[in-house]
Amino acid sequence: MELNGHLQKTLSYLAQMSSNVQTSHVPNPWRRFFARTLDLSIYGIPWSAFLAFVVRVNILSRTGWGNLLDAFVALILMLFIEPLLLSIFGTTPGKAIFGLSVRTDSGKKLTYVEGLERTWGVIGSGFGFNIPIYSLVRLWKSYKICKGNEVQPWDDYNSYTIKDKKWYRPVGCIVAFMLTVAVTLSFVSAQQLPPNRGELTVAQFVENYNYYAKHMGVDFGRWSLNSNGEWVENAEVDVAWNNVLGSAERPTYRFIVKDSFVLGIQFDELNSNQVISLSGYESHMVLATLSFVCAQKDMGLFSRMPGRISNQISGNASRSHQFTEAGITFPGTPRITDTMIFRVDRTYGQKTSQQITCSL
């Protein structure tokens, strides 16, 4: 009798385990989809940081092939990060928010290798390796499998469970998405800061100038400013001239320097006593002003100063205008008959007070 009792318990336990293996796969496609999407957003943050601060790519302007590359890199990061999370915590940030967890059939956490195999299955069978069109087909088939209360191919030997379906879990997902967006926006804001701050040498000003030119997509073709603030030509650069911006005019920059630091910048037109249209110099005005002014302490991480300065100068160089931004006064006039057509000056008052004036 006692032996039969133990046998019945064992058979009951095995039947329960078998039942759990078949049913523990969470037939809730949208919860799983949003958990996965959140995880991918988090996995992509290191790549965005690399682009923003190492490669110095304007992440806000990425489209087309750039976005496709970002999606592939996110999957690669997921392939190596997710198995580590599953082996340590048995879940991922997105899954944890929705109360989801992954275990082996015996209830243990996956090893790193097991997690790697599972994640590879998700990337191939679930995302279709992010191959256009094919990925949509794989996502649709995965949705139908999950909706049909079937086990996904990458979970054949795993137990995928959900703790509960409480109302606050979708809210938590929305908050987490907002946080990932906030992190990305902080990267975008940080990219508006020039590489050099405070008092600038000529070389530092030029580095700021070239940084903003690249960030704003201003292309001078084969020409660029060297560390002395002089235009130099690189004949090895292959240029489609019809796509070059700001190449119609290359003004000669003059620097007012004291103790190796720049106190003022101006650029000149070589021909004196000539009526000059300033519209051809808008790109240079914007770049020179941002390079000098945004290096000052008034420029913060989330400052909108660069956008306001660009908007005020762009389109206004050919007509009378004036604006003041954080102690910066920029008076303008439609045309000028003089050798000096643009100037940025900094004059010091008592102690720490200072005024920056941009003059045309």
Protein backbone atom coordinates (compact mmCIF):
# COMPACT_ATOMS: atom_id res chain seq x y z
CA MET A 1 0.00 0.00 0.00
CA GLU A 2 2.77 2.41 0.92
CA LEU A 3 4.65 1.58 -2.29
CA ASN A 4 1.52 2.16 -4.34
CA GLY A 5 1.03 5.49 -2.61
CA HIS A 6 4.56 6.65 -3.49
CA LEU A 7 4.08 5.44 -7.04
CA GLN A 8 0.85 7.38 -7.41
CA LYS A 9 2.49 10.54 -6.07
CA THR A 10 5.40 10.13 -8.46
CA LEU A 11 3.12 9.61 -11.44
CA SER A 12 1.02 12.59 -10.38
CA TYR A 13 4.15 14.75 -10.09
CA LEU A 14 5.39 13.68 -13.53
CA ALA A 15 1.97 14.32 -15.04
CA GLN A 16 1.93 17.77 -13.48
CA MET A 17 5.39 18.51 -14.83
CA SER A 18 4.34 17.35 -18.28
CA SER A 19 1.27 19.52 -18.09
CA ASN A 20 3.38 22.53 -17.06
CA VAL A 21 5.76 22.01 -19.98
CA GLN A 22 2.88 22.06 -22.41
CA THR A 23 1.00 25.00 -20.97
CA SER A 24 3.72 27.21 -19.46
CA HIS A 25 4.33 29.34 -22.50
CA VAL A 26 2.13 32.41 -21.80
CA PRO A 27 -0.35 32.68 -24.69
CA ASN A 28 -0.40 36.48 -24.44
CA PRO A 29 1.28 37.73 -27.63
CA TRP A 30 0.95 41.45 -26.94
CA ARG A 31 2.44 41.27 -23.46
CA ARG A 32 5.34 39.26 -24.84
CA PHE A 33 5.71 41.62 -27.81
CA PHE A 34 5.88 44.77 -25.69
CA ALA A 35 8.23 43.10 -23.21
CA ARG A 36 10.53 42.19 -26.12
CA THR A 37 10.27 45.67 -27.66
CA LEU A 38 11.19 47.28 -24.35
CA ASP A 39 14.18 44.97 -24.00
CA LEU A 40 15.38 45.88 -27.49
CA SER A 41 15.06 49.58 -26.64
CA ILE A 42 17.24 49.05 -23.59
CA TYR A 43 19.78 46.93 -25.49
CA GLY A 44 20.08 49.72 -28.06
CA ILE A 45 21.07 52.39 -25.52
CA PRO A 46 24.81 51.48 -25.42
CA TRP A 47 24.91 51.62 -29.23
CA SER A 48 23.25 55.05 -29.24
CA ALA A 49 25.81 56.26 -26.69
CA PHE A 50 28.64 54.91 -28.88
CA LEU A 51 27.27 56.72 -31.94
CA ALA A 52 26.71 59.96 -30.05
CA PHE A 53 29.95 60.27 -28.08
CA VAL A 54 32.53 58.14 -29.90
CA VAL A 55 31.60 58.29 -33.57
CA ARG A 56 29.80 61.63 -33.03
CA VAL A 57 26.96 60.85 -35.38
CA ASN A 58 23.84 62.98 -35.13
CA ILE A 59 21.54 60.24 -33.85
CA LEU A 60 18.46 62.40 -34.33
CA SER A 61 18.99 62.58 -38.09
CA ARG A 62 19.51 58.85 -38.74
CA THR A 63 17.18 57.43 -41.38
CA GLY A 64 17.05 54.58 -43.88
CA TRP A 65 20.19 52.44 -43.81
CA GLY A 66 21.27 54.00 -40.53
CA ASN A 67 18.10 52.84 -38.80
CA LEU A 68 18.45 49.39 -40.36
CA LEU A 69 22.00 49.16 -39.03
CA ASP A 70 20.80 50.25 -35.59
CA ALA A 71 18.19 47.47 -35.61
CA PHE A 72 20.82 44.83 -36.52
CA VAL A 73 23.20 46.05 -33.83
CA ALA A 74 20.41 45.93 -31.24
CA LEU A 75 19.85 42.26 -32.11
CA ILE A 76 23.57 41.52 -31.81
CA LEU A 77 23.67 43.16 -28.39
CA MET A 78 20.55 41.23 -27.40
CA LEU A 79 22.21 37.96 -28.46
CA PHE A 80 24.95 38.39 -25.85
CA ILE A 81 23.23 40.45 -23.12
CA GLU A 82 19.94 38.55 -22.80
CA PRO A 83 21.47 35.11 -22.06
CA LEU A 84 23.46 36.71 -19.25
CA LEU A 85 20.29 38.21 -17.75
CA LEU A 86 18.38 34.95 -18.08
CA SER A 87 21.18 32.96 -16.45
CA ILE A 88 21.42 35.37 -13.50
CA PHE A 89 17.86 36.60 -12.97
CA GLY A 90 15.73 34.24 -15.02
CA THR A 91 14.12 37.24 -16.70
CA THR A 92 14.87 40.50 -18.51
CA PRO A 93 13.78 44.09 -17.73
CA GLY A 94 10.84 43.91 -20.15
CA LYS A 95 9.78 40.45 -18.96
CA ALA A 96 10.14 41.44 -15.29
CA ILE A 97 7.80 44.39 -15.73
CA PHE A 98 5.12 42.06 -17.15
CA GLY A 99 5.82 39.37 -14.54
CA LEU A 100 7.31 36.97 -17.09
CA SER A 101 10.13 34.54 -16.41
CA VAL A 102 11.97 31.74 -18.23
CA ARG A 103 13.12 28.50 -16.64
CA THR A 104 14.18 25.06 -17.76
CA ASP A 105 11.72 22.15 -17.64
CA SER A 106 13.06 21.29 -14.19
CA GLY A 107 12.43 24.82 -12.92
CA LYS A 108 16.07 25.95 -12.90
CA LYS A 109 17.45 29.10 -14.47
CA LEU A 110 18.90 28.71 -17.93
CA THR A 111 22.66 28.48 -18.26
CA TYR A 112 24.36 31.09 -20.42
CA VAL A 113 24.68 28.60 -23.29
CA GLU A 114 21.01 27.62 -22.99
CA GLY A 115 20.05 31.29 -22.94
CA LEU A 116 22.24 31.89 -25.97
CA GLU A 117 20.51 29.10 -27.89
CA ARG A 118 17.09 30.44 -26.91
CA THR A 119 17.95 34.02 -27.89
CA TRP A 120 19.34 32.86 -31.24
CA GLY A 121 16.05 31.11 -31.85
CA VAL A 122 14.15 34.30 -31.04
CA ILE A 123 16.30 36.30 -33.46
CA GLY A 124 15.94 33.78 -36.28
CA SER A 125 12.44 32.36 -35.90
CA GLY A 126 10.90 35.35 -34.15
CA PHE A 127 12.50 38.38 -35.81
CA GLY A 128 13.67 36.79 -39.05
CA PHE A 129 17.10 38.34 -38.43
CA ASN A 130 15.46 41.75 -39.04
CA ILE A 131 15.51 41.10 -42.79
CA PRO A 132 12.97 43.46 -44.37
CA ILE A 133 9.61 41.82 -45.21
CA TYR A 134 10.82 38.43 -43.98
CA SER A 135 10.92 39.80 -40.44
CA LEU A 136 7.25 40.83 -40.74
CA VAL A 137 6.37 37.33 -41.91
CA ARG A 138 8.16 35.77 -38.93
CA LEU A 139 6.53 38.17 -36.48
CA TRP A 140 3.09 37.36 -37.88
CA LYS A 141 3.71 33.60 -37.67
CA SER A 142 5.01 33.96 -34.11
CA TYR A 143 1.87 35.90 -33.22
CA LYS A 144 -0.36 33.17 -34.66
CA ILE A 145 1.55 30.44 -32.78
CA CYS A 146 1.24 32.31 -29.49
CA LYS A 147 -2.40 33.24 -30.08
CA GLY A 148 -3.15 29.61 -30.94
CA ASN A 149 -1.94 28.54 -27.50
CA GLU A 150 1.08 26.74 -28.96
CA VAL A 151 4.68 26.72 -27.79
CA GLN A 152 7.18 28.89 -29.65
CA PRO A 153 10.00 26.86 -31.27
CA TRP A 154 12.66 28.48 -29.08
CA ASP A 155 10.77 27.41 -25.93
CA ASP A 156 10.32 23.72 -26.75
CA TYR A 157 12.38 22.71 -23.72
CA ASN A 158 11.74 25.73 -21.52
CA SER A 159 9.03 26.84 -19.15
CA TYR A 160 7.81 30.39 -19.87
CA THR A 161 5.50 31.59 -17.10
CA ILE A 162 3.65 34.73 -16.05
CA LYS A 163 3.17 35.74 -12.43
CA ASP A 164 -0.02 37.76 -12.85
CA LYS A 165 -1.77 40.22 -15.16
CA LYS A 166 -2.26 43.13 -12.81
CA TRP A 167 -3.22 46.54 -14.21
CA TYR A 168 -0.02 48.30 -13.18
CA ARG A 169 2.22 46.16 -15.39
CA PRO A 170 1.26 47.85 -18.71
CA VAL A 171 1.60 51.20 -16.92
CA GLY A 172 5.07 50.20 -15.79
CA CYS A 173 5.93 49.32 -19.39
CA ILE A 174 4.83 52.77 -20.57
CA VAL A 175 6.92 54.44 -17.85
CA ALA A 176 9.94 52.31 -18.79
CA PHE A 177 9.55 53.25 -22.47
CA MET A 178 9.42 56.92 -21.46
CA LEU A 179 12.64 56.49 -19.49
CA THR A 180 14.43 54.96 -22.49
CA VAL A 181 13.22 57.85 -24.65
CA ALA A 182 14.44 60.31 -21.98
CA VAL A 183 17.89 58.67 -22.02
CA THR A 184 18.06 58.94 -25.80
CA LEU A 185 16.95 62.59 -25.69
CA SER A 186 19.68 63.29 -23.13
CA PHE A 187 22.17 61.94 -25.68
CA VAL A 188 20.68 64.27 -28.31
CA SER A 189 20.97 67.23 -25.94
CA ALA A 190 24.52 66.32 -25.01
CA GLN A 191 25.43 66.36 -28.71
CA GLN A 192 24.55 70.05 -28.82
CA LEU A 193 27.43 70.77 -26.44
CA PRO A 194 30.70 71.50 -28.26
CA PRO A 195 33.74 69.36 -27.45
CA ASN A 196 35.54 72.37 -25.93
CA ARG A 197 34.02 74.62 -23.24
CA GLY A 198 35.15 77.76 -21.44
CA GLU A 199 37.92 79.91 -22.84
CA LEU A 200 39.01 78.69 -26.26
CA THR A 201 42.25 78.65 -28.17
CA VAL A 202 42.06 79.00 -31.94
CA ALA A 203 42.55 75.26 -32.33
CA GLN A 204 39.72 74.56 -29.86
CA PHE A 205 37.42 76.98 -31.66
CA VAL A 206 38.17 75.22 -34.96
CA GLU A 207 37.45 71.84 -33.36
CA ASN A 208 34.09 73.18 -32.19
CA TYR A 209 33.45 74.64 -35.66
CA ASN A 210 34.18 71.38 -37.46
CA TYR A 211 32.14 69.46 -34.89
CA TYR A 212 29.05 71.59 -35.49
CA ALA A 213 29.56 71.44 -39.26
CA LYS A 214 29.49 67.63 -39.14
CA HIS A 215 26.63 67.54 -36.63
CA MET A 216 24.47 69.88 -38.71
CA GLY A 217 25.35 68.23 -42.02
CA VAL A 218 27.13 71.28 -43.48
CA ASP A 219 29.47 70.05 -46.21
CA PHE A 220 32.29 72.27 -47.47
CA GLY A 221 33.43 69.75 -50.04
CA ARG A 222 37.20 69.39 -50.21
CA TRP A 223 37.70 72.36 -47.91
CA SER A 224 37.99 72.43 -44.13
CA LEU A 225 39.43 74.64 -41.41
CA ASN A 226 42.80 73.59 -40.03
CA SER A 227 43.94 74.14 -36.44
CA ASN A 228 45.06 77.70 -37.33
CA GLY A 229 41.61 78.63 -38.60
CA GLU A 230 42.68 78.63 -42.24
CA TRP A 231 40.89 76.94 -45.13
CA VAL A 232 42.82 74.01 -46.57
CA GLU A 233 41.92 71.78 -49.51
CA ASN A 234 42.09 68.01 -49.49
CA ALA A 235 42.34 66.99 -53.14
CA GLU A 236 41.84 63.32 -52.24
CA VAL A 237 38.24 63.88 -51.15
CA ASP A 238 35.77 62.87 -53.85
CA VAL A 239 32.94 65.39 -53.85
CA ALA A 240 29.60 65.63 -55.64
CA TRP A 241 29.68 69.39 -55.92
CA ASN A 242 25.96 69.79 -56.42
CA ASN A 243 25.44 68.36 -52.92
CA VAL A 244 27.95 70.62 -51.18
CA LEU A 245 26.44 73.14 -48.77
CA GLY A 246 28.11 76.38 -47.81
CA SER A 247 30.81 76.03 -50.43
CA ALA A 248 29.87 79.12 -52.43
CA GLU A 249 31.80 81.37 -50.06
CA ARG A 250 34.78 80.62 -47.84
CA PRO A 251 35.39 83.66 -45.66
CA THR A 252 38.78 84.45 -44.20
CA TYR A 253 38.60 84.17 -40.43
CA ARG A 254 40.41 86.66 -38.19
CA PHE A 255 40.92 85.95 -34.50
CA ILE A 256 41.38 88.42 -31.66
CA VAL A 257 43.65 86.57 -29.24
CA LYS A 258 44.97 87.43 -25.79
CA ASP A 259 47.16 85.06 -23.76
CA SER A 260 46.47 82.34 -26.37
CA PHE A 261 42.70 82.58 -25.83
CA VAL A 262 40.20 83.83 -28.39
CA LEU A 263 38.43 87.07 -27.46
CA GLY A 264 36.81 87.72 -30.81
CA ILE A 265 36.22 86.27 -34.25
CA GLN A 266 35.41 87.95 -37.53
CA PHE A 267 35.50 86.98 -41.15
CA ASP A 268 36.28 89.28 -44.02
CA GLU A 269 35.45 89.73 -47.68
CA LEU A 270 38.61 90.19 -49.72
CA ASN A 271 37.18 92.90 -52.01
CA SER A 272 36.57 96.15 -50.14
CA ASN A 273 33.97 98.75 -51.10
CA GLN A 274 31.82 96.03 -52.62
CA VAL A 275 28.15 95.51 -51.84
CA ILE A 276 27.96 92.07 -50.23
CA SER A 277 24.92 89.84 -49.85
CA LEU A 278 25.12 88.11 -46.51
CA SER A 279 22.79 85.21 -47.36
CA GLY A 280 25.71 83.19 -48.75
CA TYR A 281 27.39 83.33 -45.36
CA GLU A 282 24.56 82.02 -43.20
CA SER A 283 26.19 78.63 -42.62
CA HIS A 284 29.41 80.26 -41.49
CA MET A 285 27.60 82.72 -39.24
CA VAL A 286 25.70 79.92 -37.53
CA LEU A 287 28.75 77.68 -37.13
CA ALA A 288 31.05 80.46 -35.87
CA THR A 289 28.45 81.76 -33.41
CA LEU A 290 27.61 78.31 -32.04
CA SER A 291 31.28 77.34 -31.77
CA PHE A 292 32.08 80.39 -29.65
CA VAL A 293 28.86 81.14 -27.78
CA CYS A 294 27.88 77.57 -26.86
CA ALA A 295 31.25 77.10 -25.21
CA GLN A 296 30.17 79.56 -22.51
CA LYS A 297 28.80 78.54 -19.12
CA ASP A 298 25.27 79.70 -20.05
CA MET A 299 24.99 76.68 -22.34
CA GLY A 300 23.54 73.76 -20.37
CA LEU A 301 22.74 70.14 -21.20
CA PHE A 302 19.11 70.76 -22.09
CA SER A 303 19.53 74.32 -23.35
CA ARG A 304 17.63 75.28 -26.47
CA MET A 305 20.12 78.01 -27.25
CA PRO A 306 21.63 76.33 -30.35
CA GLY A 307 18.24 75.94 -32.00
CA ARG A 308 17.22 79.50 -31.24
CA ILE A 309 20.49 80.94 -32.53
CA SER A 310 20.29 78.88 -35.73
CA ASN A 311 16.68 79.90 -36.33
CA GLN A 312 17.42 83.58 -35.75
CA ILE A 313 20.41 83.70 -38.11
CA SER A 314 19.15 81.36 -40.83
CA GLY A 315 16.96 83.24 -43.26
CA ASN A 316 17.57 86.59 -41.58
CA ALA A 317 21.05 87.45 -42.84
CA SER A 318 19.62 89.27 -45.85
CA ARG A 319 17.23 91.48 -43.88
CA SER A 320 17.35 93.66 -40.82
CA HIS A 321 16.99 91.73 -37.58
CA GLN A 322 18.20 91.75 -34.01
CA PHE A 323 18.01 89.29 -31.15
CA THR A 324 19.50 88.73 -27.72
CA GLU A 325 20.19 85.30 -26.28
CA ALA A 326 21.63 84.81 -22.78
CA GLY A 327 23.59 88.05 -22.91
CA ILE A 328 24.36 87.69 -26.61
CA THR A 329 23.27 90.55 -28.85
CA PHE A 330 23.14 89.96 -32.57
CA PRO A 331 22.21 93.08 -34.59
CA GLY A 332 21.91 92.64 -38.36
CA THR A 333 21.58 94.72 -41.48
CA PRO A 334 20.56 93.67 -45.01
CA ARG A 335 23.80 94.66 -46.73
CA ILE A 336 27.11 96.20 -45.82
CA THR A 337 29.86 97.93 -47.84
CA ASP A 338 32.92 97.19 -45.74
CA THR A 339 35.66 94.60 -45.49
CA MET A 340 34.34 93.23 -42.16
CA ILE A 341 31.03 91.42 -42.58
CA PHE A 342 30.75 89.35 -39.38
CA ARG A 343 32.20 89.66 -35.90
CA VAL A 344 31.89 87.96 -32.52
CA ASP A 345 33.46 89.81 -29.61
CA ARG A 346 33.75 89.10 -25.90
CA THR A 347 34.53 91.99 -23.56
CA TYR A 348 35.10 91.56 -19.84
CA GLY A 349 33.57 93.74 -17.17
CA GLN A 350 34.07 93.59 -13.43
CA LYS A 351 34.98 90.19 -11.99
CA THR A 352 32.99 87.48 -13.76
CA SER A 353 30.61 89.66 -15.76
CA GLN A 354 31.02 89.40 -19.52
CA GLN A 355 29.18 90.35 -22.67
CA ILE A 356 29.33 88.68 -26.06
CA THR A 357 28.31 90.72 -29.07
CA CYS A 358 27.80 89.32 -32.55
CA SER A 359 27.87 92.10 -35.12
CA LEU A 360 27.36 92.32 -38.85
